[in-house]
Amino acid sequence: MSKRVSAAVIYRGPSKLDRMPIVAILTGMKGDSRNPKTGGIAQLWILRDDMNPEEAIATGQDISICGGCVHRGTVGDPTDPNTCYVITGWAPSRIWDCDKRGGYPPMDPRDASRILADQRVEVRLGAYGDPAALPVPVLRDLLHDVTGWTGYSHQWKRCHSSYRRWLMASTDSIAETVEAQAAGWRTFRIRKPDELPIVGEIDCPASDEQGHRLQCIDCMICNGCGPNDTASRASVSIVAHGRGANAIVRREN
């Protein structure tokens, strides 16, 4: 496969969360992502294969790629709104449409890993969707040769512990953070504006509160808990931000 390929489908098959059809599409393989927070790292999008992301959200079938994430909200319940920071009508929908037109070639995850390594491009797991929806071998092979990655999962209570190798546990309270760390995960916590990091946490260097002093490409601390690592290595927290920030704070109150 040519190293000039910039995007590819690395998985098409059943979700590990509910066995429904999903697709995982890797974009930015040349390191040309324009995401201002992450910098030029490849982006992995995990989508329902059989319906547009907007339809999946409207019908609650985004559970296949988001699981029990609290930020999905509850369909039809205005008191429990969707607080996900991803605007699915933008990039996720465009990527899904392009895939349906045959715009992305299939690629073995290990081949994708070699291409990324050759071009010194790192990976963001889950630009949309939870990486725990993918089988472990897909993540293992995709990251086999790369020098760095970031990844997060709200499925840390239900997924196999092997996902800790690559993913941070996404938590939404101090209690959840303590629980996840006790289970061997490093954590990434969304906190309220009046909260400070707790012991063992640092502020996300790409956050507003840190003055965006680093992009993810320059940090890469959100890379799970490796085989020679410990869950005591610094975890990360960030003040609620994006379009759902106010709703997140109201929900927590």
Foldseek 3Di string as FASTA:
>chain_A
DDLPAFKAWADWFAFPQPGATKTKMKGLLLQPDPPPQAHSAIEIAIGRLPDQPVVCLLVVVCCLFAPPPQLSFDHPDPLRHRQDQDPSVPPVRVVSVCVVVVNHHYDHLLVSLVSSLVSQHEYEYPPPGANLRDDPVSVCNNPVRHPAYAHEHCCLVPGDPVCLQFAAYEEEDVVVCVVSLVVWKAHEYADAPVDDDDPLEDEDCCAVVNVHNDHSNVPRPRGGAHPPGGSSHGHYYYYQDHPNNVSSVVVVD
